[in-house]
PDB file of N, CA and C in Angstrom:
ATOM      1  N   MET A   1     -47.530  -9.471  23.332  1.00  0.00           N
ATOM      2  CA  MET A   1     -47.010  -9.214  24.657  1.00  0.00           C
ATOM      3  C   MET A   1     -48.148  -8.668  25.513  1.00  0.00           C
ATOM      4  N   ILE A   2     -48.318  -9.228  26.675  1.00  0.00           N
ATOM      5  CA  ILE A   2     -49.319  -8.757  27.636  1.00  0.00           C
ATOM      6  C   ILE A   2     -48.642  -7.796  28.595  1.00  0.00           C
ATOM      7  N   ILE A   3     -49.238  -6.628  28.741  1.00  0.00           N
ATOM      8  CA  ILE A   3     -48.671  -5.606  29.617  1.00  0.00           C
ATOM      9  C   ILE A   3     -49.496  -5.584  30.895  1.00  0.00           C
ATOM     10  N   ASP A   4     -48.861  -6.028  31.998  1.00  0.00           N
ATOM     11  CA  ASP A   4     -49.565  -6.124  33.274  1.00  0.00           C
ATOM     12  C   ASP A   4     -49.371  -4.890  34.151  1.00  0.00           C
ATOM     13  N   ASP A   5     -48.268  -4.208  34.001  1.00  0.00           N
ATOM     14  CA  ASP A   5     -48.023  -3.072  34.896  1.00  0.00           C
ATOM     15  C   ASP A   5     -47.216  -1.997  34.186  1.00  0.00           C
ATOM     16  N   ASP A   6     -46.912  -0.941  34.917  1.00  0.00           N
ATOM     17  CA  ASP A   6     -46.187   0.190  34.335  1.00  0.00           C
ATOM     18  C   ASP A   6     -44.783  -0.205  33.889  1.00  0.00           C
ATOM     19  N   GLU A   7     -44.166  -1.122  34.625  1.00  0.00           N
ATOM     20  CA  GLU A   7     -42.815  -1.544  34.265  1.00  0.00           C
ATOM     21  C   GLU A   7     -42.817  -2.274  32.931  1.00  0.00           C
ATOM     22  N   ASP A   8     -43.801  -3.161  32.721  1.00  0.00           N
ATOM     23  CA  ASP A   8     -43.918  -3.860  31.441  1.00  0.00           C
ATOM     24  C   ASP A   8     -44.202  -2.872  30.316  1.00  0.00           C
ATOM     25  N   PHE A   9     -45.047  -1.883  30.603  1.00  0.00           N
ATOM     26  CA  PHE A   9     -45.364  -0.873  29.592  1.00  0.00           C
ATOM     27  C   PHE A   9     -44.118  -0.084  29.212  1.00  0.00           C
ATOM     28  N   ALA A  10     -43.350   0.327  30.215  1.00  0.00           N
ATOM     29  CA  ALA A  10     -42.138   1.101  29.958  1.00  0.00           C
ATOM     30  C   ALA A  10     -41.148   0.285  29.132  1.00  0.00           C
ATOM     31  N   PHE A  11     -41.008  -0.996  29.456  1.00  0.00           N
ATOM     32  CA  PHE A  11     -40.106  -1.862  28.701  1.00  0.00           C
ATOM     33  C   PHE A  11     -40.582  -2.008  27.256  1.00  0.00           C
ATOM     34  N   ALA A  12     -41.884  -2.243  27.070  1.00  0.00           N
ATOM     35  CA  ALA A  12     -42.440  -2.396  25.727  1.00  0.00           C
ATOM     36  C   ALA A  12     -42.273  -1.104  24.925  1.00  0.00           C
ATOM     37  N   ALA A  13     -42.498   0.041  25.559  1.00  0.00           N
ATOM     38  CA  ALA A  13     -42.356   1.323  24.869  1.00  0.00           C
ATOM     39  C   ALA A  13     -40.893   1.566  24.481  1.00  0.00           C
ATOM     40  N   ALA A  14     -39.985   1.283  25.387  1.00  0.00           N
ATOM     41  CA  ALA A  14     -38.558   1.486  25.099  1.00  0.00           C
ATOM     42  C   ALA A  14     -38.107   0.584  23.953  1.00  0.00           C
ATOM     43  N   THR A  15     -38.576  -0.657  23.954  1.00  0.00           N
ATOM     44  CA  THR A  15     -38.229  -1.597  22.887  1.00  0.00           C
ATOM     45  C   THR A  15     -38.764  -1.104  21.548  1.00  0.00           C
ATOM     46  N   ALA A  16     -40.002  -0.650  21.532  1.00  0.00           N
ATOM     47  CA  ALA A  16     -40.599  -0.134  20.302  1.00  0.00           C
ATOM     48  C   ALA A  16     -39.835   1.085  19.795  1.00  0.00           C
ATOM     49  N   LEU A  17     -39.475   1.981  20.696  1.00  0.00           N
ATOM     50  CA  LEU A  17     -38.737   3.174  20.298  1.00  0.00           C
ATOM     51  C   LEU A  17     -37.361   2.826  19.736  1.00  0.00           C
ATOM     52  N   ARG A  18     -36.714   1.822  20.328  1.00  0.00           N
ATOM     53  CA  ARG A  18     -35.414   1.392  19.802  1.00  0.00           C
ATOM     54  C   ARG A  18     -35.556   0.904  18.364  1.00  0.00           C
ATOM     55  N   HIS A  19     -36.599   0.115  18.111  1.00  0.00           N
ATOM     56  CA  HIS A  19     -36.819  -0.407  16.759  1.00  0.00           C
ATOM     57  C   HIS A  19     -37.141   0.728  15.790  1.00  0.00           C
ATOM     58  N   ILE A  20     -37.993   1.648  16.215  1.00  0.00           N
ATOM     59  CA  ILE A  20     -38.335   2.791  15.364  1.00  0.00           C
ATOM     60  C   ILE A  20     -37.085   3.632  15.109  1.00  0.00           C
ATOM     61  N   GLY A  21     -36.319   3.898  16.160  1.00  0.00           N
ATOM     62  CA  GLY A  21     -35.092   4.679  16.015  1.00  0.00           C
ATOM     63  C   GLY A  21     -34.111   4.027  15.062  1.00  0.00           C
ATOM     64  N   HIS A  22     -33.993   2.703  15.158  1.00  0.00           N
ATOM     65  CA  HIS A  22     -33.099   1.959  14.272  1.00  0.00           C
ATOM     66  C   HIS A  22     -33.569   2.093  12.822  1.00  0.00           C
ATOM     67  N   ASP A  23     -34.874   1.947  12.583  1.00  0.00           N
ATOM     68  CA  ASP A  23     -35.427   2.067  11.232  1.00  0.00           C
ATOM     69  C   ASP A  23     -35.231   3.477  10.680  1.00  0.00           C
ATOM     70  N   VAL A  24     -35.437   4.478  11.524  1.00  0.00           N
ATOM     71  CA  VAL A  24     -35.250   5.861  11.095  1.00  0.00           C
ATOM     72  C   VAL A  24     -33.781   6.106  10.757  1.00  0.00           C
ATOM     73  N   LYS A  25     -32.866   5.589  11.577  1.00  0.00           N
ATOM     74  CA  LYS A  25     -31.436   5.756  11.303  1.00  0.00           C
ATOM     75  C   LYS A  25     -31.068   5.124   9.966  1.00  0.00           C
ATOM     76  N   ILE A  26     -31.581   3.956   9.682  1.00  0.00           N
ATOM     77  CA  ILE A  26     -31.295   3.305   8.403  1.00  0.00           C
ATOM     78  C   ILE A  26     -31.789   4.178   7.250  1.00  0.00           C
ATOM     79  N   GLU A  27     -32.999   4.701   7.362  1.00  0.00           N
ATOM     80  CA  GLU A  27     -33.545   5.562   6.317  1.00  0.00           C
ATOM     81  C   GLU A  27     -32.700   6.821   6.140  1.00  0.00           C
ATOM     82  N   LEU A  28     -32.280   7.433   7.246  1.00  0.00           N
ATOM     83  CA  LEU A  28     -31.447   8.628   7.168  1.00  0.00           C
ATOM     84  C   LEU A  28     -30.093   8.325   6.545  1.00  0.00           C
ATOM     85  N   ASP A  29     -29.526   7.175   6.889  1.00  0.00           N
ATOM     86  CA  ASP A  29     -28.252   6.772   6.283  1.00  0.00           C
ATOM     87  C   ASP A  29     -28.388   6.608   4.770  1.00  0.00           C
ATOM     88  N   ILE A  30     -29.487   5.990   4.334  1.00  0.00           N
ATOM     89  CA  ILE A  30     -29.724   5.794   2.902  1.00  0.00           C
ATOM     90  C   ILE A  30     -29.878   7.142   2.203  1.00  0.00           C
ATOM     91  N   LEU A  31     -30.665   8.037   2.793  1.00  0.00           N
ATOM     92  CA  LEU A  31     -30.858   9.364   2.201  1.00  0.00           C
ATOM     93  C   LEU A  31     -29.553  10.137   2.139  1.00  0.00           C
ATOM     94  N   SER A  32     -28.748  10.044   3.194  1.00  0.00           N
ATOM     95  CA  SER A  32     -27.466  10.745   3.229  1.00  0.00           C
ATOM     96  C   SER A  32     -26.523  10.208   2.160  1.00  0.00           C
ATOM     97  N   ALA A  33     -26.473   8.897   1.996  1.00  0.00           N
ATOM     98  CA  ALA A  33     -25.616   8.294   0.975  1.00  0.00           C
ATOM     99  C   ALA A  33     -26.063   8.712  -0.420  1.00  0.00           C
ATOM    100  N   GLU A  34     -27.362   8.732  -0.657  1.00  0.00           N
ATOM    101  CA  GLU A  34     -27.882   9.152  -1.956  1.00  0.00           C
ATOM    102  C   GLU A  34     -27.537  10.616  -2.227  1.00  0.00           C
ATOM    103  N   LYS A  35     -27.682  11.461  -1.216  1.00  0.00           N
ATOM    104  CA  LYS A  35     -27.365  12.877  -1.368  1.00  0.00           C
ATOM    105  C   LYS A  35     -25.881  13.062  -1.670  1.00  0.00           C
ATOM    106  N   SER A  36     -25.024  12.323  -0.969  1.00  0.00           N
ATOM    107  CA  SER A  36     -23.588  12.407  -1.201  1.00  0.00           C
ATOM    108  C   SER A  36     -23.225  11.964  -2.611  1.00  0.00           C
ATOM    109  N   LYS A  37     -23.823  10.858  -3.064  1.00  0.00           N
ATOM    110  CA  LYS A  37     -23.543  10.362  -4.413  1.00  0.00           C
ATOM    111  C   LYS A  37     -24.008  11.362  -5.456  1.00  0.00           C
ATOM    112  N   ASN A  38     -25.182  11.945  -5.251  1.00  0.00           N
ATOM    113  CA  ASN A  38     -25.677  12.945  -6.200  1.00  0.00           C
ATOM    114  C   ASN A  38     -24.750  14.155  -6.261  1.00  0.00           C
ATOM    115  N   LYS A  39     -24.245  14.591  -5.114  1.00  0.00           N
ATOM    116  CA  LYS A  39     -23.313  15.718  -5.074  1.00  0.00           C
ATOM    117  C   LYS A  39     -22.025  15.372  -5.810  1.00  0.00           C
ATOM    118  N   LEU A  40     -21.481  14.193  -5.547  1.00  0.00           N
ATOM    119  CA  LEU A  40     -20.265  13.761  -6.226  1.00  0.00           C
ATOM    120  C   LEU A  40     -20.491  13.694  -7.732  1.00  0.00           C
ATOM    121  N   ASP A  41     -21.601  13.098  -8.137  1.00  0.00           N
ATOM    122  CA  ASP A  41     -21.900  12.990  -9.567  1.00  0.00           C
ATOM    123  C   ASP A  41     -21.999  14.363 -10.227  1.00  0.00           C
ATOM    124  N   SER A  42     -22.506  15.354  -9.493  1.00  0.00           N
ATOM    125  CA  SER A  42     -22.640  16.698 -10.069  1.00  0.00           C
ATOM    126  C   SER A  42     -21.292  17.398 -10.201  1.00  0.00           C
ATOM    127  N   LEU A  43     -20.283  16.953  -9.468  1.00  0.00           N
ATOM    128  CA  LEU A  43     -18.958  17.579  -9.515  1.00  0.00           C
ATOM    129  C   LEU A  43     -17.971  16.844 -10.420  1.00  0.00           C
ATOM    130  N   LEU A  44     -18.324  15.662 -10.890  1.00  0.00           N
ATOM    131  CA  LEU A  44     -17.409  14.810 -11.648  1.00  0.00           C
ATOM    132  C   LEU A  44     -17.603  15.022 -13.151  1.00  0.00           C
ATOM    133  N   VAL A  45     -16.500  15.379 -13.831  1.00  0.00           N
ATOM    134  CA  VAL A  45     -16.534  15.595 -15.278  1.00  0.00           C
ATOM    135  C   VAL A  45     -15.311  14.944 -15.917  1.00  0.00           C
ATOM    136  N   ASP A  46     -15.354  14.789 -17.220  1.00  0.00           N
ATOM    137  CA  ASP A  46     -14.236  14.234 -17.985  1.00  0.00           C
ATOM    138  C   ASP A  46     -13.565  15.341 -18.782  1.00  0.00           C
ATOM    139  N   ALA A  47     -12.235  15.321 -18.825  1.00  0.00           N
ATOM    140  CA  ALA A  47     -11.471  16.254 -19.657  1.00  0.00           C
ATOM    141  C   ALA A  47     -10.560  15.448 -20.574  1.00  0.00           C
ATOM    142  N   TYR A  48     -10.475  15.884 -21.825  1.00  0.00           N
ATOM    143  CA  TYR A  48      -9.673  15.168 -22.816  1.00  0.00           C
ATOM    144  C   TYR A  48      -8.467  15.962 -23.295  1.00  0.00           C
ATOM    145  N   ASP A  49      -8.350  17.218 -22.828  1.00  0.00           N
ATOM    146  CA  ASP A  49      -7.164  18.018 -23.137  1.00  0.00           C
ATOM    147  C   ASP A  49      -6.927  18.997 -21.990  1.00  0.00           C
ATOM    148  N   MET A  50      -5.794  19.661 -22.043  1.00  0.00           N
ATOM    149  CA  MET A  50      -5.408  20.540 -20.939  1.00  0.00           C
ATOM    150  C   MET A  50      -6.299  21.774 -20.842  1.00  0.00           C
ATOM    151  N   ASP A  51      -6.819  22.246 -21.962  1.00  0.00           N
ATOM    152  CA  ASP A  51      -7.719  23.405 -21.913  1.00  0.00           C
ATOM    153  C   ASP A  51      -8.987  23.070 -21.132  1.00  0.00           C
ATOM    154  N   GLN A  52      -9.566  21.909 -21.426  1.00  0.00           N
ATOM    155  CA  GLN A  52     -10.752  21.474 -20.673  1.00  0.00           C
ATOM    156  C   GLN A  52     -10.411  21.291 -19.205  1.00  0.00           C
ATOM    157  N   LEU A  53      -9.284  20.668 -18.936  1.00  0.00           N
ATOM    158  CA  LEU A  53      -8.881  20.422 -17.556  1.00  0.00           C
ATOM    159  C   LEU A  53      -8.747  21.737 -16.794  1.00  0.00           C
ATOM    160  N   LYS A  54      -8.140  22.727 -17.393  1.00  0.00           N
ATOM    161  CA  LYS A  54      -7.977  24.032 -16.739  1.00  0.00           C
ATOM    162  C   LYS A  54      -9.332  24.668 -16.436  1.00  0.00           C
ATOM    163  N   VAL A  55     -10.239  24.635 -17.389  1.00  0.00           N
ATOM    164  CA  VAL A  55     -11.580  25.213 -17.180  1.00  0.00           C
ATOM    165  C   VAL A  55     -12.284  24.507 -16.027  1.00  0.00           C
ATOM    166  N   TYR A  56     -12.230  23.193 -16.004  1.00  0.00           N
ATOM    167  CA  TYR A  56     -12.897  22.435 -14.938  1.00  0.00           C
ATOM    168  C   TYR A  56     -12.239  22.649 -13.580  1.00  0.00           C
ATOM    169  N   MET A  57     -10.918  22.763 -13.561  1.00  0.00           N
ATOM    170  CA  MET A  57     -10.226  23.036 -12.298  1.00  0.00           C
ATOM    171  C   MET A  57     -10.652  24.398 -11.751  1.00  0.00           C
ATOM    172  N   ASP A  58     -10.741  25.397 -12.639  1.00  0.00           N
ATOM    173  CA  ASP A  58     -11.164  26.733 -12.213  1.00  0.00           C
ATOM    174  C   ASP A  58     -12.610  26.730 -11.700  1.00  0.00           C
ATOM    175  N   ALA A  59     -13.403  25.774 -12.195  1.00  0.00           N
ATOM    176  CA  ALA A  59     -14.796  25.646 -11.749  1.00  0.00           C
ATOM    177  C   ALA A  59     -14.920  24.753 -10.513  1.00  0.00           C
ATOM    178  N   ARG A  60     -13.791  24.336  -9.959  1.00  0.00           N
ATOM    179  CA  ARG A  60     -13.741  23.527  -8.730  1.00  0.00           C
ATOM    180  C   ARG A  60     -14.395  22.151  -8.894  1.00  0.00           C
ATOM    181  N   MET A  61     -14.160  21.539 -10.034  1.00  0.00           N
ATOM    182  CA  MET A  61     -14.718  20.227 -10.323  1.00  0.00           C
ATOM    183  C   MET A  61     -13.696  19.128  -9.990  1.00  0.00           C
ATOM    184  N   ILE A  62     -14.174  17.904  -9.945  1.00  0.00           N
ATOM    185  CA  ILE A  62     -13.320  16.722  -9.866  1.00  0.00           C
ATOM    186  C   ILE A  62     -13.277  16.169 -11.284  1.00  0.00           C
ATOM    187  N   VAL A  63     -12.080  16.032 -11.829  1.00  0.00           N
ATOM    188  CA  VAL A  63     -11.957  15.753 -13.254  1.00  0.00           C
ATOM    189  C   VAL A  63     -11.302  14.391 -13.485  1.00  0.00           C
ATOM    190  N   ARG A  64     -11.958  13.593 -14.310  1.00  0.00           N
ATOM    191  CA  ARG A  64     -11.410  12.295 -14.708  1.00  0.00           C
ATOM    192  C   ARG A  64     -10.640  12.511 -16.006  1.00  0.00           C
ATOM    193  N   VAL A  65      -9.386  12.056 -16.035  1.00  0.00           N
ATOM    194  CA  VAL A  65      -8.538  12.234 -17.217  1.00  0.00           C
ATOM    195  C   VAL A  65      -7.844  10.932 -17.573  1.00  0.00           C
ATOM    196  N   ASN A  66      -7.487  10.819 -18.832  1.00  0.00           N
ATOM    197  CA  ASN A  66      -6.609   9.740 -19.271  1.00  0.00           C
ATOM    198  C   ASN A  66      -5.186  10.159 -18.921  1.00  0.00           C
ATOM    199  N   TRP A  67      -4.427   9.228 -18.329  1.00  0.00           N
ATOM    200  CA  TRP A  67      -3.090   9.558 -17.855  1.00  0.00           C
ATOM    201  C   TRP A  67      -2.150   8.412 -18.179  1.00  0.00           C
ATOM    202  N   CYS A  68      -0.947   8.770 -18.606  1.00  0.00           N
ATOM    203  CA  CYS A  68       0.044   7.767 -19.007  1.00  0.00           C
ATOM    204  C   CYS A  68       0.695   7.069 -17.816  1.00  0.00           C
ATOM    205  N   GLY A  69       0.601   7.659 -16.635  1.00  0.00           N
ATOM    206  CA  GLY A  69       1.215   7.076 -15.448  1.00  0.00           C
ATOM    207  C   GLY A  69       2.585   7.650 -15.129  1.00  0.00           C
ATOM    208  N   ASP A  70       3.095   8.513 -15.988  1.00  0.00           N
ATOM    209  CA  ASP A  70       4.415   9.111 -15.779  1.00  0.00           C
ATOM    210  C   ASP A  70       4.332  10.182 -14.684  1.00  0.00           C
ATOM    211  N   PRO A  71       5.143  10.056 -13.637  1.00  0.00           N
ATOM    212  CA  PRO A  71       5.128  11.075 -12.577  1.00  0.00           C
ATOM    213  C   PRO A  71       5.429  12.481 -13.091  1.00  0.00           C
ATOM    214  N   ASP A  72       6.258  12.585 -14.139  1.00  0.00           N
ATOM    215  CA  ASP A  72       6.542  13.911 -14.701  1.00  0.00           C
ATOM    216  C   ASP A  72       5.271  14.565 -15.236  1.00  0.00           C
ATOM    217  N   CYS A  73       4.404  13.788 -15.863  1.00  0.00           N
ATOM    218  CA  CYS A  73       3.123  14.336 -16.334  1.00  0.00           C
ATOM    219  C   CYS A  73       2.286  14.797 -15.139  1.00  0.00           C
ATOM    220  N   ALA A  74       2.287  14.020 -14.085  1.00  0.00           N
ATOM    221  CA  ALA A  74       1.524  14.402 -12.891  1.00  0.00           C
ATOM    222  C   ALA A  74       2.038  15.724 -12.324  1.00  0.00           C
ATOM    223  N   TYR A  75       3.353  15.873 -12.238  1.00  0.00           N
ATOM    224  CA  TYR A  75       3.941  17.120 -11.720  1.00  0.00           C
ATOM    225  C   TYR A  75       3.616  18.301 -12.629  1.00  0.00           C
ATOM    226  N   ASN A  76       3.698  18.085 -13.933  1.00  0.00           N
ATOM    227  CA  ASN A  76       3.407  19.164 -14.881  1.00  0.00           C
ATOM    228  C   ASN A  76       1.934  19.545 -14.869  1.00  0.00           C
ATOM    229  N   ILE A  77       1.055  18.563 -14.718  1.00  0.00           N
ATOM    230  CA  ILE A  77      -0.375  18.864 -14.594  1.00  0.00           C
ATOM    231  C   ILE A  77      -0.592  19.741 -13.375  1.00  0.00           C
ATOM    232  N   LYS A  78       0.038  19.389 -12.272  1.00  0.00           N
ATOM    233  CA  LYS A  78      -0.112  20.187 -11.047  1.00  0.00           C
ATOM    234  C   LYS A  78       0.369  21.618 -11.273  1.00  0.00           C
ATOM    235  N   ASP A  79       1.504  21.773 -11.935  1.00  0.00           N
ATOM    236  CA  ASP A  79       2.040  23.112 -12.202  1.00  0.00           C
ATOM    237  C   ASP A  79       1.134  23.922 -13.129  1.00  0.00           C
ATOM    238  N   MET A  80       0.514  23.253 -14.081  1.00  0.00           N
ATOM    239  CA  MET A  80      -0.257  23.965 -15.106  1.00  0.00           C
ATOM    240  C   MET A  80      -1.676  24.319 -14.664  1.00  0.00           C
ATOM    241  N   VAL A  81      -2.287  23.473 -13.857  1.00  0.00           N
ATOM    242  CA  VAL A  81      -3.704  23.711 -13.517  1.00  0.00           C
ATOM    243  C   VAL A  81      -3.956  23.799 -12.014  1.00  0.00           C
ATOM    244  N   SER A  82      -2.905  23.698 -11.227  1.00  0.00           N
ATOM    245  CA  SER A  82      -3.029  23.736  -9.757  1.00  0.00           C
ATOM    246  C   SER A  82      -3.940  22.637  -9.220  1.00  0.00           C
ATOM    247  N   GLY A  83      -4.009  21.559  -9.944  1.00  0.00           N
ATOM    248  CA  GLY A  83      -4.760  20.390  -9.489  1.00  0.00           C
ATOM    249  C   GLY A  83      -3.851  19.182  -9.519  1.00  0.00           C
ATOM    250  N   GLU A  84      -4.047  18.281  -8.590  1.00  0.00           N
ATOM    251  CA  GLU A  84      -3.174  17.106  -8.499  1.00  0.00           C
ATOM    252  C   GLU A  84      -3.911  15.840  -8.900  1.00  0.00           C
ATOM    253  N   ILE A  85      -3.157  14.919  -9.486  1.00  0.00           N
ATOM    254  CA  ILE A  85      -3.721  13.597  -9.730  1.00  0.00           C
ATOM    255  C   ILE A  85      -3.868  12.933  -8.372  1.00  0.00           C
ATOM    256  N   ARG A  86      -5.103  12.625  -8.016  1.00  0.00           N
ATOM    257  CA  ARG A  86      -5.404  12.047  -6.702  1.00  0.00           C
ATOM    258  C   ARG A  86      -5.335  10.535  -6.702  1.00  0.00           C
ATOM    259  N   GLY A  87      -5.468   9.935  -7.882  1.00  0.00           N
ATOM    260  CA  GLY A  87      -5.391   8.483  -7.950  1.00  0.00           C
ATOM    261  C   GLY A  87      -6.415   7.918  -8.910  1.00  0.00           C
ATOM    262  N   THR A  88      -6.558   6.614  -8.826  1.00  0.00           N
ATOM    263  CA  THR A  88      -7.511   5.886  -9.657  1.00  0.00           C
ATOM    264  C   THR A  88      -8.485   5.159  -8.745  1.00  0.00           C
ATOM    265  N   ARG A  89      -9.557   4.672  -9.307  1.00  0.00           N
ATOM    266  CA  ARG A  89     -10.524   3.932  -8.498  1.00  0.00           C
ATOM    267  C   ARG A  89     -10.001   2.532  -8.240  1.00  0.00           C
ATOM    268  N   TRP A  90     -10.154   2.079  -7.028  1.00  0.00           N
ATOM    269  CA  TRP A  90      -9.721   0.725  -6.669  1.00  0.00           C
ATOM    270  C   TRP A  90     -10.878  -0.260  -6.754  1.00  0.00           C
ATOM    271  N   ASP A  91     -12.110   0.256  -6.689  1.00  0.00           N
ATOM    272  CA  ASP A  91     -13.281  -0.618  -6.633  1.00  0.00           C
ATOM    273  C   ASP A  91     -13.831  -0.965  -8.009  1.00  0.00           C
ATOM    274  N   VAL A  92     -13.379  -0.253  -9.036  1.00  0.00           N
ATOM    275  CA  VAL A  92     -13.860  -0.466 -10.399  1.00  0.00           C
ATOM    276  C   VAL A  92     -12.655  -0.401 -11.328  1.00  0.00           C
ATOM    277  N   ASN A  93     -12.596  -1.305 -12.287  1.00  0.00           N
ATOM    278  CA  ASN A  93     -11.509  -1.271 -13.266  1.00  0.00           C
ATOM    279  C   ASN A  93     -11.941  -0.362 -14.415  1.00  0.00           C
ATOM    280  N   GLU A  94     -11.424   0.857 -14.424  1.00  0.00           N
ATOM    281  CA  GLU A  94     -11.753   1.818 -15.479  1.00  0.00           C
ATOM    282  C   GLU A  94     -10.621   1.841 -16.496  1.00  0.00           C
ATOM    283  N   GLU A  95     -10.950   1.558 -17.729  1.00  0.00           N
ATOM    284  CA  GLU A  95      -9.956   1.554 -18.800  1.00  0.00           C
ATOM    285  C   GLU A  95      -9.867   2.941 -19.415  1.00  0.00           C
ATOM    286  N   PRO A  96      -8.645   3.393 -19.760  1.00  0.00           N
ATOM    287  CA  PRO A  96      -8.512   4.687 -20.432  1.00  0.00           C
ATOM    288  C   PRO A  96      -9.207   4.647 -21.795  1.00  0.00           C
ATOM    289  N   THR A  97      -9.686   5.811 -22.208  1.00  0.00           N
ATOM    290  CA  THR A  97     -10.445   5.891 -23.455  1.00  0.00           C
ATOM    291  C   THR A  97      -9.743   6.714 -24.516  1.00  0.00           C
ATOM    292  N   ASN A  98      -8.577   7.275 -24.194  1.00  0.00           N
ATOM    293  CA  ASN A  98      -7.903   8.177 -25.109  1.00  0.00           C
ATOM    294  C   ASN A  98      -6.422   8.214 -24.742  1.00  0.00           C
ATOM    295  N   VAL A  99      -5.704   9.175 -25.277  1.00  0.00           N
ATOM    296  CA  VAL A  99      -4.293   9.352 -24.946  1.00  0.00           C
ATOM    297  C   VAL A  99      -4.168  10.210 -23.687  1.00  0.00           C
ATOM    298  N   CYS A 100      -2.976  10.265 -23.126  1.00  0.00           N
ATOM    299  CA  CYS A 100      -2.710  11.059 -21.928  1.00  0.00           C
ATOM    300  C   CYS A 100      -3.109  12.517 -22.161  1.00  0.00           C
ATOM    301  N   VAL A 101      -3.782  13.077 -21.192  1.00  0.00           N
ATOM    302  CA  VAL A 101      -4.288  14.442 -21.304  1.00  0.00           C
ATOM    303  C   VAL A 101      -3.171  15.460 -21.514  1.00  0.00           C
ATOM    304  N   LEU A 102      -1.958  15.158 -21.070  1.00  0.00           N
ATOM    305  CA  LEU A 102      -0.860  16.120 -21.199  1.00  0.00           C
ATOM    306  C   LEU A 102       0.112  15.767 -22.326  1.00  0.00           C
ATOM    307  N   CYS A 103       0.756  14.615 -22.232  1.00  0.00           N
ATOM    308  CA  CYS A 103       1.838  14.302 -23.179  1.00  0.00           C
ATOM    309  C   CYS A 103       1.343  13.670 -24.474  1.00  0.00           C
ATOM    310  N   ARG A 104       0.088  13.230 -24.491  1.00  0.00           N
ATOM    311  CA  ARG A 104      -0.550  12.613 -25.664  1.00  0.00           C
ATOM    312  C   ARG A 104       0.019  11.227 -25.983  1.00  0.00           C
ATOM    313  N   ASP A 105       0.815  10.640 -25.063  1.00  0.00           N
ATOM    314  CA  ASP A 105       1.246   9.251 -25.207  1.00  0.00           C
ATOM    315  C   ASP A 105       0.086   8.342 -24.830  1.00  0.00           C
ATOM    316  N   GLU A 106       0.295   7.048 -25.030  1.00  0.00           N
ATOM    317  CA  GLU A 106      -0.745   6.084 -24.676  1.00  0.00           C
ATOM    318  C   GLU A 106      -1.083   6.187 -23.187  1.00  0.00           C
ATOM    319  N   ALA A 107      -2.375   6.294 -22.886  1.00  0.00           N
ATOM    320  CA  ALA A 107      -2.815   6.370 -21.488  1.00  0.00           C
ATOM    321  C   ALA A 107      -2.896   4.961 -20.908  1.00  0.00           C
ATOM    322  N   LYS A 108      -2.514   4.845 -19.648  1.00  0.00           N
ATOM    323  CA  LYS A 108      -2.594   3.571 -18.945  1.00  0.00           C
ATOM    324  C   LYS A 108      -3.689   3.573 -17.879  1.00  0.00           C
ATOM    325  N   TYR A 109      -4.120   4.769 -17.481  1.00  0.00           N
ATOM    326  CA  TYR A 109      -5.063   4.888 -16.370  1.00  0.00           C
ATOM    327  C   TYR A 109      -6.122   5.946 -16.657  1.00  0.00           C
ATOM    328  N   LEU A 110      -7.263   5.791 -16.015  1.00  0.00           N
ATOM    329  CA  LEU A 110      -8.215   6.887 -15.840  1.00  0.00           C
ATOM    330  C   LEU A 110      -7.967   7.383 -14.437  1.00  0.00           C
ATOM    331  N   ALA A 111      -7.481   8.592 -14.324  1.00  0.00           N
ATOM    332  CA  ALA A 111      -7.112   9.155 -13.029  1.00  0.00           C
ATOM    333  C   ALA A 111      -8.025  10.337 -12.707  1.00  0.00           C
ATOM    334  N   TYR A 112      -8.042  10.697 -11.443  1.00  0.00           N
ATOM    335  CA  TYR A 112      -8.896  11.789 -10.958  1.00  0.00           C
ATOM    336  C   TYR A 112      -8.009  12.937 -10.511  1.00  0.00           C
ATOM    337  N   VAL A 113      -8.366  14.138 -10.980  1.00  0.00           N
ATOM    338  CA  VAL A 113      -7.607  15.342 -10.672  1.00  0.00           C
ATOM    339  C   VAL A 113      -8.518  16.294  -9.903  1.00  0.00           C
ATOM    340  N   SER A 114      -7.985  16.863  -8.838  1.00  0.00           N
ATOM    341  CA  SER A 114      -8.744  17.881  -8.095  1.00  0.00           C
ATOM    342  C   SER A 114      -7.776  18.792  -7.352  1.00  0.00           C
ATOM    343  N   ARG A 115      -8.334  19.862  -6.847  1.00  0.00           N
ATOM    344  CA  ARG A 115      -7.575  20.787  -6.012  1.00  0.00           C
ATOM    345  C   ARG A 115      -7.925  20.524  -4.561  1.00  0.00           C
ATOM    346  N   THR A 116      -7.037  20.954  -3.695  1.00  0.00           N
ATOM    347  CA  THR A 116      -7.304  20.888  -2.262  1.00  0.00           C
ATOM    348  C   THR A 116      -7.807  22.248  -1.816  1.00  0.00           C
ATOM    349  N   TYR A 117      -8.929  22.255  -1.100  1.00  0.00           N
ATOM    350  CA  TYR A 117      -9.498  23.524  -0.631  1.00  0.00           C
ATOM    351  C   TYR A 117      -9.501  23.568   0.878  1.00  0.00           C
TER     352      TYR A 117
END
């Protein structure tokens, strides 16, 4: 680009700044996403019995548990550890690896339990 006058210079500078700003925003978005994922990973743990679940709930963790899918188990978990089953992942098919954390029946889901703060 040939810059003949101040107006051309101002346009060229503004265009360059837009491109730089866009590149910086992309980098910041990537860093923010990585930081968020690292934070989530540091808070996510697995519990295989109610004692573990209680300890992790008291430590303010997000806990992955095997769950039978029975709403009564969900209600009892909430009563026992003050944490609620929040759901399962929709983006990944996670298979249960053990029996239900509460009733010890066959688990149908890997569910996530957390408290609301």
